Amino acid sequence: GANGAGKSTTLRTIAGLVKPAKGRIHLQGEDITGLTPDKIVAKGVTLVPEGRRVFPDLTVLENLKIGAYLRKDDLSDDLNWVYELFPRLKERSWQAAGTLSGAPKIRACQLMSRPKIIMMDEPSLGLAPIVVKGIFDIIKEINRMGVTVLLIEQNANMALRIADIGYVLETGKITTTGPGKQLLNDPAIKAA
């Protein structure tokens, strides 16, 4: 959808950051409307907001551990998984997160909560084309590991190439839906 269609607001509402004006939010048959963000994370839903924000004065490792703040178990396996996806984060685990350049600032900490669903808002925004391909490879790997990815992306071409299902949102309403590759070839979607 175009700017102002309601994409980011939809994600923020699902995450419990915005109260819905009307309607209900259901997760696997359970009404989660009005739950606080921490309770939504506990249900397995997490949001990677636009802008790749981090806690700049904390180390990379501390930022990752914040993503697991609800967990009481051993984080080692998940830290290793995140480091496999983002090798540069392992190399710089001791470094203040605010000193990293663009791509490594991807909020990998959300993966530490062991989400069932990860919502990503414009993960490629402002990144160089060569870096964007790497980000999409990581998104595919996250999905391959069994995590559902709800992706809002300015690069519709790349997003629809990897999407199982695509949706077109216009002023808060879904106007078109279908397999990603089918939408990629739809003349109306190309024109938009």
C-alpha atoms as a PDB file:
ATOM      1  CA  GLY A   1       0.000   0.000   0.000  1.00  0.00           C
ATOM      2  CA  ALA A   2       0.919   3.614  -0.480  1.00  0.00           C
ATOM      3  CA  ASN A   3       2.065   5.950   2.289  1.00  0.00           C
ATOM      4  CA  GLY A   4      -0.829   6.586   4.648  1.00  0.00           C
ATOM      5  CA  ALA A   5      -2.643   3.342   3.804  1.00  0.00           C
ATOM      6  CA  GLY A   6      -2.413   2.174   7.413  1.00  0.00           C
ATOM      7  CA  LYS A   7       0.330  -0.451   7.170  1.00  0.00           C
ATOM      8  CA  SER A   8       2.477   0.636  10.113  1.00  0.00           C
ATOM      9  CA  THR A   9      -0.600   1.483  12.176  1.00  0.00           C
ATOM     10  CA  THR A  10      -1.908  -2.042  11.581  1.00  0.00           C
ATOM     11  CA  LEU A  11       1.328  -3.572  12.888  1.00  0.00           C
ATOM     12  CA  ARG A  12       1.450  -1.215  15.867  1.00  0.00           C
ATOM     13  CA  THR A  13      -2.168  -2.089  16.678  1.00  0.00           C
ATOM     14  CA  ILE A  14      -1.515  -5.832  16.529  1.00  0.00           C
ATOM     15  CA  ALA A  15       1.527  -5.292  18.795  1.00  0.00           C
ATOM     16  CA  GLY A  16      -0.655  -3.516  21.369  1.00  0.00           C
ATOM     17  CA  LEU A  17       0.967  -0.112  20.918  1.00  0.00           C
ATOM     18  CA  VAL A  18      -2.150   1.494  19.394  1.00  0.00           C
ATOM     19  CA  LYS A  19      -5.728   0.945  20.536  1.00  0.00           C
ATOM     20  CA  PRO A  20      -7.978  -0.118  17.630  1.00  0.00           C
ATOM     21  CA  ALA A  21     -10.785   2.315  16.789  1.00  0.00           C
ATOM     22  CA  LYS A  22     -13.037  -0.644  16.018  1.00  0.00           C
ATOM     23  CA  GLY A  23     -12.829  -4.334  15.292  1.00  0.00           C
ATOM     24  CA  ARG A  24     -11.045  -7.170  17.080  1.00  0.00           C
ATOM     25  CA  ILE A  25      -7.623  -8.784  16.783  1.00  0.00           C
ATOM     26  CA  HIS A  26      -7.575 -12.583  16.908  1.00  0.00           C
ATOM     27  CA  LEU A  27      -4.521 -14.824  17.174  1.00  0.00           C
ATOM     28  CA  GLN A  28      -5.206 -18.480  16.499  1.00  0.00           C
ATOM     29  CA  GLY A  29      -8.826 -18.056  17.592  1.00  0.00           C
ATOM     30  CA  GLU A  30      -7.995 -16.066  20.742  1.00  0.00           C
ATOM     31  CA  ASP A  31      -9.082 -12.440  21.043  1.00  0.00           C
ATOM     32  CA  ILE A  32      -5.954 -10.431  21.901  1.00  0.00           C
ATOM     33  CA  THR A  33      -7.539  -7.009  21.435  1.00  0.00           C
ATOM     34  CA  GLY A  34      -6.448  -4.668  24.201  1.00  0.00           C
ATOM     35  CA  LEU A  35      -3.652  -6.829  25.595  1.00  0.00           C
ATOM     36  CA  THR A  36      -0.543  -4.945  26.666  1.00  0.00           C
ATOM     37  CA  PRO A  37       2.557  -5.232  24.447  1.00  0.00           C
ATOM     38  CA  ASP A  38       4.357  -7.537  26.929  1.00  0.00           C
ATOM     39  CA  LYS A  39       1.387  -9.927  26.963  1.00  0.00           C
ATOM     40  CA  ILE A  40       1.338  -9.935  23.155  1.00  0.00           C
ATOM     41  CA  VAL A  41       5.075 -10.739  23.085  1.00  0.00           C
ATOM     42  CA  ALA A  42       4.371 -13.553  25.578  1.00  0.00           C
ATOM     43  CA  LYS A  43       1.809 -14.909  23.067  1.00  0.00           C
ATOM     44  CA  GLY A  44       4.617 -15.129  20.486  1.00  0.00           C
ATOM     45  CA  VAL A  45       4.049 -11.959  18.460  1.00  0.00           C
ATOM     46  CA  THR A  46       6.821  -9.389  18.088  1.00  0.00           C
ATOM     47  CA  LEU A  47       7.365  -6.217  16.063  1.00  0.00           C
ATOM     48  CA  VAL A  48      10.545  -5.015  14.360  1.00  0.00           C
ATOM     49  CA  PRO A  49       9.733  -1.327  13.940  1.00  0.00           C
ATOM     50  CA  GLU A  50      10.839   0.840  11.060  1.00  0.00           C
ATOM     51  CA  GLY A  51      14.188   2.496  11.645  1.00  0.00           C
ATOM     52  CA  ARG A  52      16.201  -0.307  13.267  1.00  0.00           C
ATOM     53  CA  ARG A  53      16.280   1.417  16.645  1.00  0.00           C
ATOM     54  CA  VAL A  54      18.580   0.055  19.323  1.00  0.00           C
ATOM     55  CA  PHE A  55      19.574   1.019  22.852  1.00  0.00           C
ATOM     56  CA  PRO A  56      22.690   2.883  21.705  1.00  0.00           C
ATOM     57  CA  ASP A  57      24.641   2.910  24.970  1.00  0.00           C
ATOM     58  CA  LEU A  58      24.189  -0.813  25.604  1.00  0.00           C
ATOM     59  CA  THR A  59      26.358  -3.438  23.933  1.00  0.00           C
ATOM     60  CA  VAL A  60      25.104  -5.555  21.061  1.00  0.00           C
ATOM     61  CA  LEU A  61      24.862  -8.523  23.435  1.00  0.00           C
ATOM     62  CA  GLU A  62      22.878  -6.504  25.979  1.00  0.00           C
ATOM     63  CA  ASN A  63      20.499  -5.397  23.216  1.00  0.00           C
ATOM     64  CA  LEU A  64      19.973  -9.022  22.207  1.00  0.00           C
ATOM     65  CA  LYS A  65      19.302 -10.069  25.787  1.00  0.00           C
ATOM     66  CA  ILE A  66      16.680  -7.340  26.134  1.00  0.00           C
ATOM     67  CA  GLY A  67      14.734  -9.168  23.420  1.00  0.00           C
ATOM     68  CA  ALA A  68      14.490 -12.146  25.782  1.00  0.00           C
ATOM     69  CA  TYR A  69      13.401 -10.165  28.841  1.00  0.00           C
ATOM     70  CA  LEU A  70      10.326 -12.392  29.366  1.00  0.00           C
ATOM     71  CA  ARG A  71      12.345 -15.605  29.218  1.00  0.00           C
ATOM     72  CA  LYS A  72      13.812 -17.394  32.224  1.00  0.00           C
ATOM     73  CA  ASP A  73      15.639 -20.181  30.351  1.00  0.00           C
ATOM     74  CA  ASP A  74      19.104 -20.536  28.808  1.00  0.00           C
ATOM     75  CA  LEU A  75      19.601 -18.149  25.866  1.00  0.00           C
ATOM     76  CA  SER A  76      22.707 -19.824  24.397  1.00  0.00           C
ATOM     77  CA  ASP A  77      21.043 -21.666  21.495  1.00  0.00           C
ATOM     78  CA  ASP A  78      19.063 -18.611  20.444  1.00  0.00           C
ATOM     79  CA  LEU A  79      22.100 -16.337  20.698  1.00  0.00           C
ATOM     80  CA  ASN A  80      24.012 -18.754  18.465  1.00  0.00           C
ATOM     81  CA  TRP A  81      21.098 -18.783  15.973  1.00  0.00           C
ATOM     82  CA  VAL A  82      20.998 -14.968  15.856  1.00  0.00           C
ATOM     83  CA  TYR A  83      24.787 -14.873  15.440  1.00  0.00           C
ATOM     84  CA  GLU A  84      24.497 -17.327  12.517  1.00  0.00           C
ATOM     85  CA  LEU A  85      21.956 -15.027  10.860  1.00  0.00           C
ATOM     86  CA  PHE A  86      23.962 -11.886  11.695  1.00  0.00           C
ATOM     87  CA  PRO A  87      27.655 -12.897  11.951  1.00  0.00           C
ATOM     88  CA  ARG A  88      28.746  -9.284  12.307  1.00  0.00           C
ATOM     89  CA  LEU A  89      26.764  -9.025  15.554  1.00  0.00           C
ATOM     90  CA  LYS A  90      28.821 -11.837  17.067  1.00  0.00           C
ATOM     91  CA  GLU A  91      32.056 -10.127  16.044  1.00  0.00           C
ATOM     92  CA  ARG A  92      30.842  -6.937  17.704  1.00  0.00           C
ATOM     93  CA  SER A  93      28.899  -8.332  20.670  1.00  0.00           C
ATOM     94  CA  TRP A  94      31.029  -6.196  23.043  1.00  0.00           C
ATOM     95  CA  GLN A  95      30.534  -2.959  21.060  1.00  0.00           C
ATOM     96  CA  ALA A  96      28.003  -0.237  21.913  1.00  0.00           C
ATOM     97  CA  ALA A  97      25.054  -0.870  19.593  1.00  0.00           C
ATOM     98  CA  GLY A  98      24.742   2.817  18.738  1.00  0.00           C
ATOM     99  CA  THR A  99      28.127   2.748  16.999  1.00  0.00           C
ATOM    100  CA  LEU A 100      27.078   0.118  14.421  1.00  0.00           C
ATOM    101  CA  SER A 101      26.263   1.151  10.876  1.00  0.00           C
ATOM    102  CA  GLY A 102      22.864   0.538   9.228  1.00  0.00           C
ATOM    103  CA  ALA A 103      22.486  -3.142   8.373  1.00  0.00           C
ATOM    104  CA  PRO A 104      23.647  -4.650  11.679  1.00  0.00           C
ATOM    105  CA  LYS A 105      21.151  -2.472  13.525  1.00  0.00           C
ATOM    106  CA  ILE A 106      18.352  -4.733  12.282  1.00  0.00           C
ATOM    107  CA  ARG A 107      16.522  -5.467  15.498  1.00  0.00           C
ATOM    108  CA  ALA A 108      17.691  -9.046  15.865  1.00  0.00           C
ATOM    109  CA  CYS A 109      16.740  -8.810  19.526  1.00  0.00           C
ATOM    110  CA  GLN A 110      13.103  -9.621  18.619  1.00  0.00           C
ATOM    111  CA  LEU A 111      14.263 -13.068  17.541  1.00  0.00           C
ATOM    112  CA  MET A 112      15.454 -13.702  21.091  1.00  0.00           C
ATOM    113  CA  SER A 113      11.846 -13.815  22.318  1.00  0.00           C
ATOM    114  CA  ARG A 114      11.320 -16.969  20.207  1.00  0.00           C
ATOM    115  CA  PRO A 115       8.420 -15.462  18.267  1.00  0.00           C
ATOM    116  CA  LYS A 116       5.819 -17.479  16.420  1.00  0.00           C
ATOM    117  CA  ILE A 117       5.042 -14.362  14.376  1.00  0.00           C
ATOM    118  CA  ILE A 118       7.502 -11.570  13.653  1.00  0.00           C
ATOM    119  CA  MET A 119       6.143  -8.380  12.114  1.00  0.00           C
ATOM    120  CA  MET A 120       8.699  -6.320  10.183  1.00  0.00           C
ATOM    121  CA  ASP A 121       8.051  -2.726   9.190  1.00  0.00           C
ATOM    122  CA  GLU A 122      10.169  -1.679   6.194  1.00  0.00           C
ATOM    123  CA  PRO A 123      13.331  -3.650   7.068  1.00  0.00           C
ATOM    124  CA  SER A 124      15.138  -2.566   3.881  1.00  0.00           C
ATOM    125  CA  LEU A 125      14.380   1.152   4.209  1.00  0.00           C
ATOM    126  CA  GLY A 126      17.498   3.239   3.610  1.00  0.00           C
ATOM    127  CA  LEU A 127      19.810   0.291   2.959  1.00  0.00           C
ATOM    128  CA  ALA A 128      22.093  -0.183  -0.053  1.00  0.00           C
ATOM    129  CA  PRO A 129      20.782  -2.631  -2.694  1.00  0.00           C
ATOM    130  CA  ILE A 130      23.511  -5.189  -1.938  1.00  0.00           C
ATOM    131  CA  VAL A 131      22.534  -5.143   1.743  1.00  0.00           C
ATOM    132  CA  VAL A 132      18.823  -5.453   0.891  1.00  0.00           C
ATOM    133  CA  LYS A 133      19.405  -8.835  -0.758  1.00  0.00           C
ATOM    134  CA  GLY A 134      21.079 -10.066   2.430  1.00  0.00           C
ATOM    135  CA  ILE A 135      18.147  -8.826   4.529  1.00  0.00           C
ATOM    136  CA  PHE A 136      15.689 -10.738   2.334  1.00  0.00           C
ATOM    137  CA  ASP A 137      17.843 -13.869   2.593  1.00  0.00           C
ATOM    138  CA  ILE A 138      17.634 -13.539   6.391  1.00  0.00           C
ATOM    139  CA  ILE A 139      13.839 -13.058   6.231  1.00  0.00           C
ATOM    140  CA  LYS A 140      13.541 -16.256   4.175  1.00  0.00           C
ATOM    141  CA  GLU A 141      15.730 -18.132   6.689  1.00  0.00           C
ATOM    142  CA  ILE A 142      13.657 -16.887   9.643  1.00  0.00           C
ATOM    143  CA  ASN A 143      10.537 -18.164   7.891  1.00  0.00           C
ATOM    144  CA  ARG A 144      12.232 -21.453   6.999  1.00  0.00           C
ATOM    145  CA  MET A 145      12.907 -21.945  10.715  1.00  0.00           C
ATOM    146  CA  GLY A 146       9.140 -21.934  11.334  1.00  0.00           C
ATOM    147  CA  VAL A 147       8.506 -18.285  12.205  1.00  0.00           C
ATOM    148  CA  THR A 148       5.624 -16.592  10.393  1.00  0.00           C
ATOM    149  CA  VAL A 149       6.774 -13.267   8.943  1.00  0.00           C
ATOM    150  CA  LEU A 150       4.325 -10.405   8.425  1.00  0.00           C
ATOM    151  CA  LEU A 151       6.294  -8.001   6.263  1.00  0.00           C
ATOM    152  CA  ILE A 152       5.569  -4.421   5.268  1.00  0.00           C
ATOM    153  CA  GLU A 153       8.034  -3.455   2.605  1.00  0.00           C
ATOM    154  CA  GLN A 154       8.569  -0.526   0.230  1.00  0.00           C
ATOM    155  CA  ASN A 155      10.377  -2.846  -2.188  1.00  0.00           C
ATOM    156  CA  ALA A 156       7.236  -4.642  -3.406  1.00  0.00           C
ATOM    157  CA  ASN A 157       9.195  -6.510  -6.065  1.00  0.00           C
ATOM    158  CA  MET A 158      11.509  -8.194  -3.532  1.00  0.00           C
ATOM    159  CA  ALA A 159       8.736  -8.724  -0.982  1.00  0.00           C
ATOM    160  CA  LEU A 160       6.327 -10.380  -3.416  1.00  0.00           C
ATOM    161  CA  ARG A 161       9.091 -12.664  -4.723  1.00  0.00           C
ATOM    162  CA  ILE A 162       9.428 -14.265  -1.284  1.00  0.00           C
ATOM    163  CA  ALA A 163       5.840 -13.899  -0.023  1.00  0.00           C
ATOM    164  CA  ASP A 164       3.554 -16.903   0.264  1.00  0.00           C
ATOM    165  CA  ILE A 165       0.599 -14.499   0.378  1.00  0.00           C
ATOM    166  CA  GLY A 166       0.512 -10.795  -0.464  1.00  0.00           C
ATOM    167  CA  TYR A 167      -2.019  -8.155   0.511  1.00  0.00           C
ATOM    168  CA  VAL A 168      -2.669  -4.728  -0.942  1.00  0.00           C
ATOM    169  CA  LEU A 169      -3.865  -2.218   1.634  1.00  0.00           C
ATOM    170  CA  GLU A 170      -5.659   0.983   0.615  1.00  0.00           C
ATOM    171  CA  THR A 171      -6.784   3.437   3.313  1.00  0.00           C
ATOM    172  CA  GLY A 172      -7.044   0.731   5.931  1.00  0.00           C
ATOM    173  CA  LYS A 173      -8.807  -1.891   3.813  1.00  0.00           C
ATOM    174  CA  ILE A 174      -7.376  -4.950   2.094  1.00  0.00           C
ATOM    175  CA  THR A 175      -8.323  -4.550  -1.568  1.00  0.00           C
ATOM    176  CA  THR A 176      -6.342  -7.392  -3.145  1.00  0.00           C
ATOM    177  CA  THR A 177      -4.849 -10.618  -1.881  1.00  0.00           C
ATOM    178  CA  GLY A 178      -3.192 -13.619  -3.451  1.00  0.00           C
ATOM    179  CA  PRO A 179       0.018 -15.612  -3.794  1.00  0.00           C
ATOM    180  CA  GLY A 180       3.030 -13.292  -3.849  1.00  0.00           C
ATOM    181  CA  LYS A 181       4.259 -14.384  -7.263  1.00  0.00           C
ATOM    182  CA  GLN A 182       0.739 -13.979  -8.714  1.00  0.00           C
ATOM    183  CA  LEU A 183       0.479 -10.431  -7.385  1.00  0.00           C
ATOM    184  CA  LEU A 184       3.975  -9.699  -8.693  1.00  0.00           C
ATOM    185  CA  ASN A 185       2.701 -10.398 -12.214  1.00  0.00           C
ATOM    186  CA  ASP A 186      -0.639  -8.561 -11.806  1.00  0.00           C
ATOM    187  CA  PRO A 187      -0.669  -5.545 -14.186  1.00  0.00           C
ATOM    188  CA  ALA A 188      -2.705  -3.432 -11.737  1.00  0.00           C
ATOM    189  CA  ILE A 189      -0.229  -4.110  -8.920  1.00  0.00           C
ATOM    190  CA  LYS A 190       2.706  -3.310 -11.237  1.00  0.00           C
ATOM    191  CA  ALA A 191       1.066  -0.017 -12.206  1.00  0.00           C
ATOM    192  CA  ALA A 192       0.450   0.920  -8.571  1.00  0.00           C
END
